[in-house]
C-alpha cells in the first residue's frame, strides 16, 4: 500500500465547477455569511466568502442551484466541516474547503 498523500487523497472525488451563490451559517456562533460555491464533489465543496471559519468548524450551507432553461435550480442544503481556509484576496476573500457531513432536502 502506498504511503498516505494528503494532496492526492483530497482530490480523489471528481469536482464539478459551480459558481453558485451560497448562504453560510456558522453552527458555532449562529452568524450568517454569504458567498459563492466554486466547486462541488460527492464528499465536499469549496466556498469563497469574506468569512474566516475555524478549522473543523461546522457550517450549514445552502447553495442556490443554477437555472436551467429559465427555471431556478433546486437548492442544496448541507452540514459541512471546514478542512482548510486560504486567503485569496488579502483581508477580503477566502476560499473554504469543506467536507460534507450530511445533506438535507
C-alpha atoms as a PDB file:
ATOM      1  CA  UNK A   1       0.000   0.000   0.000  1.00  0.00           C
ATOM      2  CA  UNK A   2       1.466   3.397  -0.950  1.00  0.00           C
ATOM      3  CA  UNK A   3       2.001   5.999   1.795  1.00  0.00           C
ATOM      4  CA  UNK A   4      -0.773   8.497   2.527  1.00  0.00           C
ATOM      5  CA  UNK A   5      -0.558  11.522   0.240  1.00  0.00           C
ATOM      6  CA  UNK A   6      -2.825  14.292   1.604  1.00  0.00           C
ATOM      7  CA  UNK A   7      -2.722  16.363  -1.611  1.00  0.00           C
ATOM      8  CA  UNK A   8      -3.628  13.429  -3.839  1.00  0.00           C
ATOM      9  CA  UNK A   9      -6.231  11.947  -1.484  1.00  0.00           C
ATOM     10  CA  UNK A  10      -8.231  15.160  -1.159  1.00  0.00           C
ATOM     11  CA  UNK A  11      -8.679  15.233  -4.934  1.00  0.00           C
ATOM     12  CA  UNK A  12      -9.937  11.659  -5.435  1.00  0.00           C
ATOM     13  CA  UNK A  13     -13.573  12.691  -5.969  1.00  0.00           C
ATOM     14  CA  UNK A  14     -14.449  14.319  -9.259  1.00  0.00           C
ATOM     15  CA  UNK A  15     -15.284  18.004  -8.798  1.00  0.00           C
ATOM     16  CA  UNK A  16     -17.936  19.994 -10.612  1.00  0.00           C
ATOM     17  CA  UNK A  17     -17.322  23.720 -11.134  1.00  0.00           C
ATOM     18  CA  UNK A  18     -20.297  25.639  -9.764  1.00  0.00           C
ATOM     19  CA  UNK A  19     -20.126  29.424  -9.412  1.00  0.00           C
ATOM     20  CA  UNK A  20     -23.424  29.487  -7.449  1.00  0.00           C
ATOM     21  CA  UNK A  21     -24.478  31.784  -4.618  1.00  0.00           C
ATOM     22  CA  UNK A  22     -24.285  30.307  -1.134  1.00  0.00           C
ATOM     23  CA  UNK A  23     -25.560  31.157   2.337  1.00  0.00           C
ATOM     24  CA  UNK A  24     -23.191  30.029   5.084  1.00  0.00           C
ATOM     25  CA  UNK A  25     -24.282  29.764   8.717  1.00  0.00           C
ATOM     26  CA  UNK A  26     -21.786  29.040  11.467  1.00  0.00           C
ATOM     27  CA  UNK A  27     -23.165  26.386  13.805  1.00  0.00           C
ATOM     28  CA  UNK A  28     -20.721  27.685  16.464  1.00  0.00           C
ATOM     29  CA  UNK A  29     -21.879  31.309  16.530  1.00  0.00           C
ATOM     30  CA  UNK A  30     -25.187  31.271  14.633  1.00  0.00           C
ATOM     31  CA  UNK A  31     -23.951  34.083  12.383  1.00  0.00           C
ATOM     32  CA  UNK A  32     -24.844  34.025   8.681  1.00  0.00           C
ATOM     33  CA  UNK A  33     -22.496  34.950   5.827  1.00  0.00           C
ATOM     34  CA  UNK A  34     -22.842  34.958   2.063  1.00  0.00           C
ATOM     35  CA  UNK A  35     -20.509  33.785  -0.640  1.00  0.00           C
ATOM     36  CA  UNK A  36     -20.143  31.510  -3.616  1.00  0.00           C
ATOM     37  CA  UNK A  37     -19.819  27.751  -4.009  1.00  0.00           C
ATOM     38  CA  UNK A  38     -16.982  27.396  -6.525  1.00  0.00           C
ATOM     39  CA  UNK A  39     -16.941  23.610  -6.804  1.00  0.00           C
ATOM     40  CA  UNK A  40     -18.769  20.571  -5.540  1.00  0.00           C
ATOM     41  CA  UNK A  41     -17.944  16.868  -5.253  1.00  0.00           C
ATOM     42  CA  UNK A  42     -19.647  13.856  -3.727  1.00  0.00           C
ATOM     43  CA  UNK A  43     -17.931  14.437  -0.382  1.00  0.00           C
ATOM     44  CA  UNK A  44     -17.050  18.129  -0.264  1.00  0.00           C
ATOM     45  CA  UNK A  45     -17.402  21.660  -1.549  1.00  0.00           C
ATOM     46  CA  UNK A  46     -15.286  24.783  -1.890  1.00  0.00           C
ATOM     47  CA  UNK A  47     -16.730  28.147  -0.916  1.00  0.00           C
ATOM     48  CA  UNK A  48     -15.488  31.711  -1.351  1.00  0.00           C
ATOM     49  CA  UNK A  49     -16.510  34.330   1.183  1.00  0.00           C
ATOM     50  CA  UNK A  50     -15.254  37.146   3.395  1.00  0.00           C
ATOM     51  CA  UNK A  51     -15.948  34.797   6.343  1.00  0.00           C
ATOM     52  CA  UNK A  52     -12.940  33.180   8.053  1.00  0.00           C
ATOM     53  CA  UNK A  53     -14.011  29.992   9.866  1.00  0.00           C
ATOM     54  CA  UNK A  54     -12.087  27.891  12.373  1.00  0.00           C
ATOM     55  CA  UNK A  55     -10.544  24.571  11.322  1.00  0.00           C
ATOM     56  CA  UNK A  56     -13.100  21.759  11.899  1.00  0.00           C
ATOM     57  CA  UNK A  57     -15.897  24.322  12.424  1.00  0.00           C
ATOM     58  CA  UNK A  58     -19.315  23.029  11.347  1.00  0.00           C
ATOM     59  CA  UNK A  59     -21.361  25.108   8.940  1.00  0.00           C
ATOM     60  CA  UNK A  60     -24.870  24.864   7.485  1.00  0.00           C
ATOM     61  CA  UNK A  61     -24.609  25.783   3.798  1.00  0.00           C
ATOM     62  CA  UNK A  62     -27.383  26.413   1.292  1.00  0.00           C
ATOM     63  CA  UNK A  63     -26.202  26.554  -2.328  1.00  0.00           C
ATOM     64  CA  UNK A  64     -28.639  28.012  -4.842  1.00  0.00           C
ATOM     65  CA  UNK A  65     -28.589  25.742  -7.891  1.00  0.00           C
ATOM     66  CA  UNK A  66     -28.106  27.194 -11.371  1.00  0.00           C
ATOM     67  CA  UNK A  67     -31.134  27.972 -13.530  1.00  0.00           C
ATOM     68  CA  UNK A  68     -31.851  25.536 -16.336  1.00  0.00           C
ATOM     69  CA  UNK A  69     -33.977  26.821 -19.199  1.00  0.00           C
ATOM     70  CA  UNK A  70     -35.119  29.791 -17.116  1.00  0.00           C
ATOM     71  CA  UNK A  71     -36.311  27.534 -14.275  1.00  0.00           C
ATOM     72  CA  UNK A  72     -34.497  28.061 -10.938  1.00  0.00           C
ATOM     73  CA  UNK A  73     -32.468  25.060  -9.787  1.00  0.00           C
ATOM     74  CA  UNK A  74     -33.150  23.233  -6.553  1.00  0.00           C
ATOM     75  CA  UNK A  75     -31.048  24.461  -3.595  1.00  0.00           C
ATOM     76  CA  UNK A  76     -28.561  22.099  -1.997  1.00  0.00           C
ATOM     77  CA  UNK A  77     -28.528  22.247   1.798  1.00  0.00           C
ATOM     78  CA  UNK A  78     -25.755  20.518   3.732  1.00  0.00           C
ATOM     79  CA  UNK A  79     -23.903  20.478   7.012  1.00  0.00           C
ATOM     80  CA  UNK A  80     -20.174  20.657   6.349  1.00  0.00           C
ATOM     81  CA  UNK A  81     -16.921  20.615   8.298  1.00  0.00           C
ATOM     82  CA  UNK A  82     -14.139  23.089   7.472  1.00  0.00           C
ATOM     83  CA  UNK A  83     -10.938  21.364   6.335  1.00  0.00           C
ATOM     84  CA  UNK A  84      -8.974  24.405   5.131  1.00  0.00           C
ATOM     85  CA  UNK A  85      -9.226  28.158   4.621  1.00  0.00           C
ATOM     86  CA  UNK A  86      -6.921  30.015   2.221  1.00  0.00           C
ATOM     87  CA  UNK A  87      -6.705  33.757   1.711  1.00  0.00           C
ATOM     88  CA  UNK A  88      -7.472  34.667  -1.924  1.00  0.00           C
ATOM     89  CA  UNK A  89      -7.611  38.461  -1.667  1.00  0.00           C
ATOM     90  CA  UNK A  90      -5.800  39.956   1.311  1.00  0.00           C
ATOM     91  CA  UNK A  91      -8.269  40.626   4.129  1.00  0.00           C
ATOM     92  CA  UNK A  92     -11.293  40.396   1.800  1.00  0.00           C
ATOM     93  CA  UNK A  93     -11.807  36.978   0.222  1.00  0.00           C
ATOM     94  CA  UNK A  94     -11.114  33.445   1.437  1.00  0.00           C
ATOM     95  CA  UNK A  95     -11.543  30.000  -0.079  1.00  0.00           C
ATOM     96  CA  UNK A  96     -13.001  27.499   2.380  1.00  0.00           C
ATOM     97  CA  UNK A  97     -12.548  23.803   1.656  1.00  0.00           C
ATOM     98  CA  UNK A  98     -15.142  21.627   3.375  1.00  0.00           C
ATOM     99  CA  UNK A  99     -16.163  18.009   3.836  1.00  0.00           C
ATOM    100  CA  UNK A 100     -19.876  17.273   3.591  1.00  0.00           C
ATOM    101  CA  UNK A 101     -21.201  15.648   6.791  1.00  0.00           C
ATOM    102  CA  UNK A 102     -24.909  15.428   5.896  1.00  0.00           C
ATOM    103  CA  UNK A 103     -27.147  16.603   3.083  1.00  0.00           C
ATOM    104  CA  UNK A 104     -30.626  17.957   3.810  1.00  0.00           C
ATOM    105  CA  UNK A 105     -33.601  18.044   1.472  1.00  0.00           C
END
